């Protein structure tokens, strides 16, 4: 199992969370399975950026982003070199530290 540390996010996990994730699972699925309600407006089809995360540690252990994901990431709020769409980022063997940005570009959020 790989340890994934989600840094505190005021709305989604105020205390932060440490979870164990089996390699091969996406960051989005891992978060959702533990009750971290990360947005995924396109239902994890790589058609939006609402599940954007920043991988603070362990970035190179993830699968490589494909061209479609890279194109979508260009539209994400707060893009950084270690940004990924959590619905496309597959957990590998190295432990991760993940930040969920405070904002998304979701125009219609049901929680707001």
PDB file of N, CA and C in Angstrom:
ATOM      1  N   UNK A   1       0.845  -1.189   0.000  1.00  0.00           N
ATOM      2  CA  UNK A   1       0.000   0.000   0.000  1.00  0.00           C
ATOM      3  C   UNK A   1       0.887   1.247   0.000  1.00  0.00           C
ATOM      4  N   UNK A   2       0.386   2.260  -0.651  1.00  0.00           N
ATOM      5  CA  UNK A   2       1.068   3.541  -0.725  1.00  0.00           C
ATOM      6  C   UNK A   2       0.362   4.520   0.202  1.00  0.00           C
ATOM      7  N   UNK A   3       1.127   5.275   0.957  1.00  0.00           N
ATOM      8  CA  UNK A   3       0.537   6.271   1.844  1.00  0.00           C
ATOM      9  C   UNK A   3       0.345   7.575   1.067  1.00  0.00           C
ATOM     10  N   UNK A   4      -0.870   8.103   1.125  1.00  0.00           N
ATOM     11  CA  UNK A   4      -1.182   9.376   0.489  1.00  0.00           C
ATOM     12  C   UNK A   4      -1.628  10.333   1.592  1.00  0.00           C
ATOM     13  N   UNK A   5      -0.928  11.440   1.688  1.00  0.00           N
ATOM     14  CA  UNK A   5      -1.267  12.477   2.652  1.00  0.00           C
ATOM     15  C   UNK A   5      -1.967  13.595   1.911  1.00  0.00           C
ATOM     16  N   UNK A   6      -3.222  13.830   2.251  1.00  0.00           N
ATOM     17  CA  UNK A   6      -3.952  14.976   1.707  1.00  0.00           C
ATOM     18  C   UNK A   6      -3.780  16.112   2.702  1.00  0.00           C
ATOM     19  N   UNK A   7      -3.209  17.203   2.229  1.00  0.00           N
ATOM     20  CA  UNK A   7      -3.014  18.371   3.080  1.00  0.00           C
ATOM     21  C   UNK A   7      -4.362  18.986   3.434  1.00  0.00           C
ATOM     22  N   UNK A   8      -4.445  19.718   4.537  1.00  0.00           N
ATOM     23  CA  UNK A   8      -5.723  20.321   4.929  1.00  0.00           C
ATOM     24  C   UNK A   8      -6.307  21.217   3.827  1.00  0.00           C
ATOM     25  N   UNK A   9      -7.606  21.081   3.630  1.00  0.00           N
ATOM     26  CA  UNK A   9      -8.377  21.916   2.709  1.00  0.00           C
ATOM     27  C   UNK A   9      -9.591  22.368   3.503  1.00  0.00           C
ATOM     28  N   UNK A  10      -9.805  23.669   3.594  1.00  0.00           N
ATOM     29  CA  UNK A  10     -10.850  24.217   4.463  1.00  0.00           C
ATOM     30  C   UNK A  10     -12.208  23.563   4.274  1.00  0.00           C
ATOM     31  N   UNK A  11     -12.574  23.235   3.049  1.00  0.00           N
ATOM     32  CA  UNK A  11     -13.910  22.691   2.790  1.00  0.00           C
ATOM     33  C   UNK A  11     -13.957  21.169   2.720  1.00  0.00           C
ATOM     34  N   UNK A  12     -12.943  20.549   2.114  1.00  0.00           N
ATOM     35  CA  UNK A  12     -13.031  19.119   1.827  1.00  0.00           C
ATOM     36  C   UNK A  12     -12.449  18.215   2.910  1.00  0.00           C
ATOM     37  N   UNK A  13     -11.379  18.659   3.546  1.00  0.00           N
ATOM     38  CA  UNK A  13     -10.796  17.882   4.648  1.00  0.00           C
ATOM     39  C   UNK A  13     -10.001  18.842   5.528  1.00  0.00           C
ATOM     40  N   UNK A  14     -10.706  19.557   6.399  1.00  0.00           N
ATOM     41  CA  UNK A  14     -10.078  20.612   7.211  1.00  0.00           C
ATOM     42  C   UNK A  14      -8.883  20.152   8.043  1.00  0.00           C
ATOM     43  N   UNK A  15      -8.875  18.925   8.465  1.00  0.00           N
ATOM     44  CA  UNK A  15      -7.784  18.397   9.284  1.00  0.00           C
ATOM     45  C   UNK A  15      -6.698  17.739   8.443  1.00  0.00           C
ATOM     46  N   UNK A  16      -6.933  17.618   7.131  1.00  0.00           N
ATOM     47  CA  UNK A  16      -6.050  16.810   6.310  1.00  0.00           C
ATOM     48  C   UNK A  16      -6.374  15.346   6.543  1.00  0.00           C
ATOM     49  N   UNK A  17      -5.739  14.476   5.792  1.00  0.00           N
ATOM     50  CA  UNK A  17      -6.018  13.050   5.967  1.00  0.00           C
ATOM     51  C   UNK A  17      -4.852  12.230   5.431  1.00  0.00           C
ATOM     52  N   UNK A  18      -4.560  11.147   6.108  1.00  0.00           N
ATOM     53  CA  UNK A  18      -3.555  10.190   5.664  1.00  0.00           C
ATOM     54  C   UNK A  18      -4.289   8.897   5.360  1.00  0.00           C
ATOM     55  N   UNK A  19      -4.109   8.400   4.123  1.00  0.00           N
ATOM     56  CA  UNK A  19      -4.792   7.173   3.734  1.00  0.00           C
ATOM     57  C   UNK A  19      -3.805   6.209   3.079  1.00  0.00           C
ATOM     58  N   UNK A  20      -4.134   4.947   3.099  1.00  0.00           N
ATOM     59  CA  UNK A  20      -3.372   3.926   2.388  1.00  0.00           C
ATOM     60  C   UNK A  20      -4.127   3.597   1.109  1.00  0.00           C
ATOM     61  N   UNK A  21      -3.389   3.590   0.009  1.00  0.00           N
ATOM     62  CA  UNK A  21      -3.995   3.393  -1.305  1.00  0.00           C
ATOM     63  C   UNK A  21      -3.227   2.294  -2.048  1.00  0.00           C
ATOM     64  N   UNK A  22      -3.948   1.405  -2.674  1.00  0.00           N
ATOM     65  CA  UNK A  22      -3.310   0.369  -3.480  1.00  0.00           C
ATOM     66  C   UNK A  22      -2.784   0.983  -4.771  1.00  0.00           C
ATOM     67  N   UNK A  23      -1.570   0.641  -5.163  1.00  0.00           N
ATOM     68  CA  UNK A  23      -1.075   1.116  -6.453  1.00  0.00           C
ATOM     69  C   UNK A  23      -2.059   0.737  -7.565  1.00  0.00           C
ATOM     70  N   UNK A  24      -2.224   1.650  -8.517  1.00  0.00           N
ATOM     71  CA  UNK A  24      -3.153   1.414  -9.620  1.00  0.00           C
ATOM     72  C   UNK A  24      -4.466   2.158  -9.475  1.00  0.00           C
ATOM     73  N   UNK A  25      -4.713   2.751  -8.314  1.00  0.00           N
ATOM     74  CA  UNK A  25      -5.939   3.506  -8.050  1.00  0.00           C
ATOM     75  C   UNK A  25      -5.656   4.972  -8.341  1.00  0.00           C
ATOM     76  N   UNK A  26      -6.629   5.688  -8.904  1.00  0.00           N
ATOM     77  CA  UNK A  26      -6.428   7.113  -9.145  1.00  0.00           C
ATOM     78  C   UNK A  26      -6.557   7.893  -7.837  1.00  0.00           C
ATOM     79  N   UNK A  27      -5.931   9.050  -7.807  1.00  0.00           N
ATOM     80  CA  UNK A  27      -6.041   9.910  -6.622  1.00  0.00           C
ATOM     81  C   UNK A  27      -7.483  10.312  -6.365  1.00  0.00           C
ATOM     82  N   UNK A  28      -8.248  10.553  -7.411  1.00  0.00           N
ATOM     83  CA  UNK A  28      -9.651  10.934  -7.251  1.00  0.00           C
ATOM     84  C   UNK A  28     -10.444   9.804  -6.589  1.00  0.00           C
ATOM     85  N   UNK A  29     -10.296   8.599  -7.099  1.00  0.00           N
ATOM     86  CA  UNK A  29     -11.018   7.459  -6.520  1.00  0.00           C
ATOM     87  C   UNK A  29     -10.598   7.205  -5.077  1.00  0.00           C
ATOM     88  N   UNK A  30      -9.308   7.359  -4.794  1.00  0.00           N
ATOM     89  CA  UNK A  30      -8.822   7.163  -3.425  1.00  0.00           C
ATOM     90  C   UNK A  30      -9.429   8.192  -2.482  1.00  0.00           C
ATOM     91  N   UNK A  31      -9.467   9.458  -2.912  1.00  0.00           N
ATOM     92  CA  UNK A  31     -10.049  10.517  -2.078  1.00  0.00           C
ATOM     93  C   UNK A  31     -11.534  10.262  -1.839  1.00  0.00           C
ATOM     94  N   UNK A  32     -12.264   9.986  -2.902  1.00  0.00           N
ATOM     95  CA  UNK A  32     -13.708   9.759  -2.780  1.00  0.00           C
ATOM     96  C   UNK A  32     -14.025   8.573  -1.873  1.00  0.00           C
ATOM     97  N   UNK A  33     -13.218   7.524  -1.959  1.00  0.00           N
ATOM     98  CA  UNK A  33     -13.445   6.327  -1.134  1.00  0.00           C
ATOM     99  C   UNK A  33     -13.279   6.624   0.357  1.00  0.00           C
ATOM    100  N   UNK A  34     -12.529   7.673   0.684  1.00  0.00           N
ATOM    101  CA  UNK A  34     -12.301   8.022   2.093  1.00  0.00           C
ATOM    102  C   UNK A  34     -13.146   9.215   2.542  1.00  0.00           C
ATOM    103  N   UNK A  35     -14.114   9.610   1.715  1.00  0.00           N
ATOM    104  CA  UNK A  35     -15.022  10.689   2.102  1.00  0.00           C
ATOM    105  C   UNK A  35     -14.529  12.088   1.795  1.00  0.00           C
ATOM    106  N   UNK A  36     -13.438  12.211   1.061  1.00  0.00           N
ATOM    107  CA  UNK A  36     -12.971  13.526   0.611  1.00  0.00           C
ATOM    108  C   UNK A  36     -13.703  13.806  -0.697  1.00  0.00           C
ATOM    109  N   UNK A  37     -14.688  14.662  -0.644  1.00  0.00           N
ATOM    110  CA  UNK A  37     -15.580  14.890  -1.785  1.00  0.00           C
ATOM    111  C   UNK A  37     -14.980  15.848  -2.816  1.00  0.00           C
ATOM    112  N   UNK A  38     -13.868  15.425  -3.396  1.00  0.00           N
ATOM    113  CA  UNK A  38     -13.215  16.222  -4.422  1.00  0.00           C
ATOM    114  C   UNK A  38     -14.148  16.341  -5.632  1.00  0.00           C
ATOM    115  N   UNK A  39     -14.222  17.550  -6.192  1.00  0.00           N
ATOM    116  CA  UNK A  39     -15.097  17.745  -7.349  1.00  0.00           C
ATOM    117  C   UNK A  39     -14.606  16.911  -8.521  1.00  0.00           C
ATOM    118  N   UNK A  40     -15.535  16.449  -9.316  1.00  0.00           N
ATOM    119  CA  UNK A  40     -15.237  15.698 -10.543  1.00  0.00           C
ATOM    120  C   UNK A  40     -16.434  15.843 -11.478  1.00  0.00           C
ATOM    121  N   UNK A  41     -16.621  17.087 -11.936  1.00  0.00           N
ATOM    122  CA  UNK A  41     -17.811  17.454 -12.702  1.00  0.00           C
ATOM    123  C   UNK A  41     -17.994  16.636 -13.974  1.00  0.00           C
ATOM    124  N   UNK A  42     -16.913  16.161 -14.566  1.00  0.00           N
ATOM    125  CA  UNK A  42     -17.026  15.389 -15.815  1.00  0.00           C
ATOM    126  C   UNK A  42     -17.113  13.890 -15.546  1.00  0.00           C
ATOM    127  N   UNK A  43     -17.325  13.535 -14.287  1.00  0.00           N
ATOM    128  CA  UNK A  43     -17.410  12.122 -13.880  1.00  0.00           C
ATOM    129  C   UNK A  43     -16.144  11.349 -14.233  1.00  0.00           C
ATOM    130  N   UNK A  44     -14.989  12.005 -14.037  1.00  0.00           N
ATOM    131  CA  UNK A  44     -13.671  11.379 -14.172  1.00  0.00           C
ATOM    132  C   UNK A  44     -13.331  10.977 -15.605  1.00  0.00           C
ATOM    133  N   UNK A  45     -13.799  11.767 -16.576  1.00  0.00           N
ATOM    134  CA  UNK A  45     -13.540  11.442 -17.978  1.00  0.00           C
ATOM    135  C   UNK A  45     -12.474  12.332 -18.621  1.00  0.00           C
ATOM    136  N   UNK A  46     -11.757  13.106 -17.824  1.00  0.00           N
ATOM    137  CA  UNK A  46     -10.697  13.995 -18.308  1.00  0.00           C
ATOM    138  C   UNK A  46     -11.258  15.062 -19.249  1.00  0.00           C
ATOM    139  N   UNK A  47     -12.425  15.598 -18.882  1.00  0.00           N
ATOM    140  CA  UNK A  47     -13.065  16.616 -19.714  1.00  0.00           C
ATOM    141  C   UNK A  47     -13.240  17.943 -18.978  1.00  0.00           C
ATOM    142  N   UNK A  48     -12.677  18.067 -17.776  1.00  0.00           N
ATOM    143  CA  UNK A  48     -12.750  19.317 -17.027  1.00  0.00           C
ATOM    144  C   UNK A  48     -11.515  19.400 -16.132  1.00  0.00           C
ATOM    145  N   UNK A  49     -11.470  20.378 -15.264  1.00  0.00           N
ATOM    146  CA  UNK A  49     -10.321  20.499 -14.359  1.00  0.00           C
ATOM    147  C   UNK A  49     -10.743  20.574 -12.897  1.00  0.00           C
ATOM    148  N   UNK A  50     -11.966  20.187 -12.595  1.00  0.00           N
ATOM    149  CA  UNK A  50     -12.461  20.356 -11.226  1.00  0.00           C
ATOM    150  C   UNK A  50     -11.765  19.448 -10.210  1.00  0.00           C
ATOM    151  N   UNK A  51     -11.109  18.395 -10.662  1.00  0.00           N
ATOM    152  CA  UNK A  51     -10.402  17.490  -9.741  1.00  0.00           C
ATOM    153  C   UNK A  51      -8.905  17.788  -9.690  1.00  0.00           C
ATOM    154  N   UNK A  52      -8.512  18.960 -10.147  1.00  0.00           N
ATOM    155  CA  UNK A  52      -7.109  19.368 -10.156  1.00  0.00           C
ATOM    156  C   UNK A  52      -6.499  19.286  -8.756  1.00  0.00           C
ATOM    157  N   UNK A  53      -5.326  18.681  -8.665  1.00  0.00           N
ATOM    158  CA  UNK A  53      -4.563  18.627  -7.429  1.00  0.00           C
ATOM    159  C   UNK A  53      -3.110  18.993  -7.720  1.00  0.00           C
ATOM    160  N   UNK A  54      -2.385  19.316  -6.663  1.00  0.00           N
ATOM    161  CA  UNK A  54      -0.949  19.583  -6.776  1.00  0.00           C
ATOM    162  C   UNK A  54      -0.245  18.525  -5.931  1.00  0.00           C
ATOM    163  N   UNK A  55       0.636  17.787  -6.563  1.00  0.00           N
ATOM    164  CA  UNK A  55       1.344  16.709  -5.881  1.00  0.00           C
ATOM    165  C   UNK A  55       2.650  17.290  -5.337  1.00  0.00           C
ATOM    166  N   UNK A  56       2.668  17.558  -4.043  1.00  0.00           N
ATOM    167  CA  UNK A  56       3.806  18.216  -3.392  1.00  0.00           C
ATOM    168  C   UNK A  56       4.993  17.278  -3.190  1.00  0.00           C
ATOM    169  N   UNK A  57       4.737  15.987  -3.019  1.00  0.00           N
ATOM    170  CA  UNK A  57       5.811  14.997  -2.886  1.00  0.00           C
ATOM    171  C   UNK A  57       5.385  13.726  -3.600  1.00  0.00           C
ATOM    172  N   UNK A  58       6.338  13.102  -4.303  1.00  0.00           N
ATOM    173  CA  UNK A  58       6.070  11.840  -4.978  1.00  0.00           C
ATOM    174  C   UNK A  58       5.568  11.972  -6.402  1.00  0.00           C
ATOM    175  N   UNK A  59       5.606  13.168  -6.956  1.00  0.00           N
ATOM    176  CA  UNK A  59       5.056  13.431  -8.294  1.00  0.00           C
ATOM    177  C   UNK A  59       5.589  12.458  -9.348  1.00  0.00           C
ATOM    178  N   UNK A  60       6.887  12.184  -9.320  1.00  0.00           N
ATOM    179  CA  UNK A  60       7.493  11.352 -10.365  1.00  0.00           C
ATOM    180  C   UNK A  60       7.081   9.884 -10.297  1.00  0.00           C
ATOM    181  N   UNK A  61       6.442   9.474  -9.201  1.00  0.00           N
ATOM    182  CA  UNK A  61       6.011   8.074  -9.091  1.00  0.00           C
ATOM    183  C   UNK A  61       4.670   7.822  -9.776  1.00  0.00           C
ATOM    184  N   UNK A  62       3.960   8.898 -10.129  1.00  0.00           N
ATOM    185  CA  UNK A  62       2.671   8.760 -10.800  1.00  0.00           C
ATOM    186  C   UNK A  62       2.869   8.382 -12.265  1.00  0.00           C
ATOM    187  N   UNK A  63       1.824   7.825 -12.873  1.00  0.00           N
ATOM    188  CA  UNK A  63       1.866   7.589 -14.303  1.00  0.00           C
ATOM    189  C   UNK A  63       2.062   8.931 -15.016  1.00  0.00           C
ATOM    190  N   UNK A  64       2.570   8.900 -16.208  1.00  0.00           N
ATOM    191  CA  UNK A  64       2.811  10.128 -16.961  1.00  0.00           C
ATOM    192  C   UNK A  64       1.497  10.678 -17.511  1.00  0.00           C
ATOM    193  N   UNK A  65       1.339  11.997 -17.448  1.00  0.00           N
ATOM    194  CA  UNK A  65       0.136  12.636 -17.994  1.00  0.00           C
ATOM    195  C   UNK A  65       0.160  12.528 -19.517  1.00  0.00           C
ATOM    196  N   UNK A  66      -1.000  12.234 -20.096  1.00  0.00           N
ATOM    197  CA  UNK A  66      -1.060  12.190 -21.558  1.00  0.00           C
ATOM    198  C   UNK A  66      -1.397  13.577 -22.109  1.00  0.00           C
ATOM    199  N   UNK A  67      -1.432  13.692 -23.417  1.00  0.00           N
ATOM    200  CA  UNK A  67      -1.636  14.988 -24.068  1.00  0.00           C
ATOM    201  C   UNK A  67      -2.995  15.603 -23.720  1.00  0.00           C
ATOM    202  N   UNK A  68      -4.036  14.795 -23.636  1.00  0.00           N
ATOM    203  CA  UNK A  68      -5.363  15.308 -23.293  1.00  0.00           C
ATOM    204  C   UNK A  68      -5.360  15.917 -21.889  1.00  0.00           C
ATOM    205  N   UNK A  69      -4.758  15.210 -20.942  1.00  0.00           N
ATOM    206  CA  UNK A  69      -4.684  15.747 -19.576  1.00  0.00           C
ATOM    207  C   UNK A  69      -3.880  17.037 -19.553  1.00  0.00           C
ATOM    208  N   UNK A  70      -2.756  17.070 -20.246  1.00  0.00           N
ATOM    209  CA  UNK A  70      -1.930  18.285 -20.293  1.00  0.00           C
ATOM    210  C   UNK A  70      -2.722  19.453 -20.860  1.00  0.00           C
ATOM    211  N   UNK A  71      -3.504  19.202 -21.909  1.00  0.00           N
ATOM    212  CA  UNK A  71      -4.326  20.265 -22.496  1.00  0.00           C
ATOM    213  C   UNK A  71      -5.375  20.769 -21.516  1.00  0.00           C
ATOM    214  N   UNK A  72      -5.998  19.859 -20.773  1.00  0.00           N
ATOM    215  CA  UNK A  72      -7.003  20.260 -19.793  1.00  0.00           C
ATOM    216  C   UNK A  72      -6.358  21.035 -18.642  1.00  0.00           C
ATOM    217  N   UNK A  73      -5.198  20.597 -18.210  1.00  0.00           N
ATOM    218  CA  UNK A  73      -4.523  21.260 -17.095  1.00  0.00           C
ATOM    219  C   UNK A  73      -4.211  22.720 -17.399  1.00  0.00           C
ATOM    220  N   UNK A  74      -3.992  23.041 -18.662  1.00  0.00           N
ATOM    221  CA  UNK A  74      -3.727  24.434 -19.045  1.00  0.00           C
ATOM    222  C   UNK A  74      -4.864  25.358 -18.633  1.00  0.00           C
ATOM    223  N   UNK A  75      -6.046  24.806 -18.394  1.00  0.00           N
ATOM    224  CA  UNK A  75      -7.225  25.599 -18.024  1.00  0.00           C
ATOM    225  C   UNK A  75      -7.466  25.637 -16.511  1.00  0.00           C
ATOM    226  N   UNK A  76      -6.661  24.926 -15.751  1.00  0.00           N
ATOM    227  CA  UNK A  76      -6.888  24.800 -14.306  1.00  0.00           C
ATOM    228  C   UNK A  76      -6.495  26.070 -13.561  1.00  0.00           C
ATOM    229  N   UNK A  77      -7.248  26.364 -12.493  1.00  0.00           N
ATOM    230  CA  UNK A  77      -6.913  27.484 -11.617  1.00  0.00           C
ATOM    231  C   UNK A  77      -5.696  27.105 -10.788  1.00  0.00           C
ATOM    232  N   UNK A  78      -4.710  28.001 -10.694  1.00  0.00           N
ATOM    233  CA  UNK A  78      -3.557  27.768  -9.826  1.00  0.00           C
ATOM    234  C   UNK A  78      -2.611  26.702 -10.327  1.00  0.00           C
ATOM    235  N   UNK A  79      -2.486  26.557 -11.633  1.00  0.00           N
ATOM    236  CA  UNK A  79      -1.636  25.527 -12.227  1.00  0.00           C
ATOM    237  C   UNK A  79      -0.186  25.665 -11.754  1.00  0.00           C
ATOM    238  N   UNK A  80       0.420  24.541 -11.397  1.00  0.00           N
ATOM    239  CA  UNK A  80       1.824  24.483 -10.994  1.00  0.00           C
ATOM    240  C   UNK A  80       2.493  23.338 -11.744  1.00  0.00           C
ATOM    241  N   UNK A  81       3.825  23.301 -11.770  1.00  0.00           N
ATOM    242  CA  UNK A  81       4.508  22.218 -12.497  1.00  0.00           C
ATOM    243  C   UNK A  81       4.129  20.817 -12.002  1.00  0.00           C
ATOM    244  N   UNK A  82       3.740  20.696 -10.745  1.00  0.00           N
ATOM    245  CA  UNK A  82       3.369  19.386 -10.185  1.00  0.00           C
ATOM    246  C   UNK A  82       1.855  19.177 -10.158  1.00  0.00           C
ATOM    247  N   UNK A  83       1.120  19.895 -11.004  1.00  0.00           N
ATOM    248  CA  UNK A  83      -0.332  19.745 -11.076  1.00  0.00           C
ATOM    249  C   UNK A  83      -0.702  18.503 -11.869  1.00  0.00           C
ATOM    250  N   UNK A  84      -1.783  17.872 -11.432  1.00  0.00           N
ATOM    251  CA  UNK A  84      -2.358  16.731 -12.148  1.00  0.00           C
ATOM    252  C   UNK A  84      -3.869  16.784 -11.988  1.00  0.00           C
ATOM    253  N   UNK A  85      -4.571  16.127 -12.893  1.00  0.00           N
ATOM    254  CA  UNK A  85      -5.990  15.874 -12.701  1.00  0.00           C
ATOM    255  C   UNK A  85      -6.064  14.596 -11.880  1.00  0.00           C
ATOM    256  N   UNK A  86      -6.699  14.660 -10.735  1.00  0.00           N
ATOM    257  CA  UNK A  86      -6.688  13.495  -9.843  1.00  0.00           C
ATOM    258  C   UNK A  86      -7.399  12.294 -10.455  1.00  0.00           C
ATOM    259  N   UNK A  87      -8.291  12.531 -11.409  1.00  0.00           N
ATOM    260  CA  UNK A  87      -8.985  11.409 -12.056  1.00  0.00           C
ATOM    261  C   UNK A  87      -8.075  10.663 -13.028  1.00  0.00           C
ATOM    262  N   UNK A  88      -6.943  11.247 -13.371  1.00  0.00           N
ATOM    263  CA  UNK A  88      -6.012  10.630 -14.312  1.00  0.00           C
ATOM    264  C   UNK A  88      -4.702  10.199 -13.651  1.00  0.00           C
ATOM    265  N   UNK A  89      -4.423  10.705 -12.455  1.00  0.00           N
ATOM    266  CA  UNK A  89      -3.164  10.417 -11.751  1.00  0.00           C
ATOM    267  C   UNK A  89      -3.276   9.089 -11.019  1.00  0.00           C
ATOM    268  N   UNK A  90      -2.550   8.095 -11.496  1.00  0.00           N
ATOM    269  CA  UNK A  90      -2.595   6.752 -10.927  1.00  0.00           C
ATOM    270  C   UNK A  90      -1.469   6.592  -9.913  1.00  0.00           C
ATOM    271  N   UNK A  91      -1.839   6.172  -8.711  1.00  0.00           N
ATOM    272  CA  UNK A  91      -0.888   5.984  -7.618  1.00  0.00           C
ATOM    273  C   UNK A  91       0.083   4.857  -7.961  1.00  0.00           C
ATOM    274  N   UNK A  92       1.361   5.111  -7.668  1.00  0.00           N
ATOM    275  CA  UNK A  92       2.396   4.100  -7.864  1.00  0.00           C
ATOM    276  C   UNK A  92       2.867   3.563  -6.532  1.00  0.00           C
ATOM    277  N   UNK A  93       4.192   3.368  -6.407  1.00  0.00           N
ATOM    278  CA  UNK A  93       4.771   2.768  -5.204  1.00  0.00           C
ATOM    279  C   UNK A  93       5.248   3.775  -4.171  1.00  0.00           C
ATOM    280  N   UNK A  94       5.471   5.029  -4.572  1.00  0.00           N
ATOM    281  CA  UNK A  94       6.027   6.017  -3.646  1.00  0.00           C
ATOM    282  C   UNK A  94       4.921   6.761  -2.905  1.00  0.00           C
ATOM    283  N   UNK A  95       5.193   7.082  -1.643  1.00  0.00           N
ATOM    284  CA  UNK A  95       4.237   7.860  -0.859  1.00  0.00           C
ATOM    285  C   UNK A  95       4.061   9.239  -1.485  1.00  0.00           C
ATOM    286  N   UNK A  96       2.881   9.818  -1.268  1.00  0.00           N
ATOM    287  CA  UNK A  96       2.526  11.089  -1.899  1.00  0.00           C
ATOM    288  C   UNK A  96       2.039  12.098  -0.866  1.00  0.00           C
ATOM    289  N   UNK A  97       2.274  13.359  -1.157  1.00  0.00           N
ATOM    290  CA  UNK A  97       1.668  14.463  -0.425  1.00  0.00           C
ATOM    291  C   UNK A  97       0.907  15.276  -1.455  1.00  0.00           C
ATOM    292  N   UNK A  98      -0.401  15.434  -1.233  1.00  0.00           N
ATOM    293  CA  UNK A  98      -1.290  16.027  -2.228  1.00  0.00           C
ATOM    294  C   UNK A  98      -2.016  17.227  -1.638  1.00  0.00           C
ATOM    295  N   UNK A  99      -2.043  18.299  -2.403  1.00  0.00           N
ATOM    296  CA  UNK A  99      -2.800  19.495  -2.035  1.00  0.00           C
ATOM    297  C   UNK A  99      -3.980  19.643  -2.970  1.00  0.00           C
ATOM    298  N   UNK A 100      -5.159  19.848  -2.411  1.00  0.00           N
ATOM    299  CA  UNK A 100      -6.349  20.155  -3.205  1.00  0.00           C
ATOM    300  C   UNK A 100      -6.485  21.670  -3.205  1.00  0.00           C
ATOM    301  N   UNK A 101      -6.377  22.307  -4.377  1.00  0.00           N
ATOM    302  CA  UNK A 101      -6.463  23.770  -4.411  1.00  0.00           C
ATOM    303  C   UNK A 101      -7.778  24.283  -3.833  1.00  0.00           C
ATOM    304  N   UNK A 102      -7.726  25.504  -3.363  1.00  0.00           N
ATOM    305  CA  UNK A 102      -8.897  26.124  -2.742  1.00  0.00           C
ATOM    306  C   UNK A 102     -10.015  26.375  -3.748  1.00  0.00           C
ATOM    307  N   UNK A 103      -9.646  26.637  -4.994  1.00  0.00           N
ATOM    308  CA  UNK A 103     -10.645  26.989  -6.015  1.00  0.00           C
ATOM    309  C   UNK A 103     -10.566  26.066  -7.212  1.00  0.00           C
ATOM    310  N   UNK A 104     -11.682  25.962  -7.924  1.00  0.00           N
ATOM    311  CA  UNK A 104     -11.708  25.309  -9.239  1.00  0.00           C
ATOM    312  C   UNK A 104     -12.360  26.305 -10.205  1.00  0.00           C
ATOM    313  N   UNK A 105     -12.363  25.948 -11.471  1.00  0.00           N
ATOM    314  CA  UNK A 105     -13.023  26.805 -12.445  1.00  0.00           C
ATOM    315  C   UNK A 105     -14.449  26.345 -12.728  1.00  0.00           C
ATOM    316  N   UNK A 106     -14.993  25.504 -11.846  1.00  0.00           N
ATOM    317  CA  UNK A 106     -16.334  24.989 -12.022  1.00  0.00           C
ATOM    318  C   UNK A 106     -17.346  26.144 -11.918  1.00  0.00           C
ATOM    319  N   UNK A 107     -18.044  26.397 -13.009  1.00  0.00           N
ATOM    320  CA  UNK A 107     -19.024  27.477 -13.045  1.00  0.00           C
ATOM    321  C   UNK A 107     -20.294  27.140 -12.275  1.00  0.00           C
ATOM    322  N   UNK A 108     -20.606  25.857 -12.194  1.00  0.00           N
ATOM    323  CA  UNK A 108     -21.840  25.424 -11.537  1.00  0.00           C
ATOM    324  C   UNK A 108     -21.491  24.366 -10.502  1.00  0.00           C
ATOM    325  N   UNK A 109     -21.254  24.789  -9.283  1.00  0.00           N
ATOM    326  CA  UNK A 109     -20.929  23.862  -8.210  1.00  0.00           C
ATOM    327  C   UNK A 109     -22.154  23.697  -7.324  1.00  0.00           C
ATOM    328  N   UNK A 110     -22.547  22.469  -7.118  1.00  0.00           N
ATOM    329  CA  UNK A 110     -23.752  22.195  -6.342  1.00  0.00           C
ATOM    330  C   UNK A 110     -23.572  22.494  -4.863  1.00  0.00           C
ATOM    331  N   UNK A 111     -22.341  22.614  -4.405  1.00  0.00           N
ATOM    332  CA  UNK A 111     -22.093  22.848  -2.986  1.00  0.00           C
ATOM    333  C   UNK A 111     -21.985  24.312  -2.625  1.00  0.00           C
ATOM    334  N   UNK A 112     -22.230  25.220  -3.556  1.00  0.00           N
ATOM    335  CA  UNK A 112     -22.033  26.641  -3.272  1.00  0.00           C
ATOM    336  C   UNK A 112     -23.296  27.424  -3.540  1.00  0.00           C
TER     337      UNK A 112
END
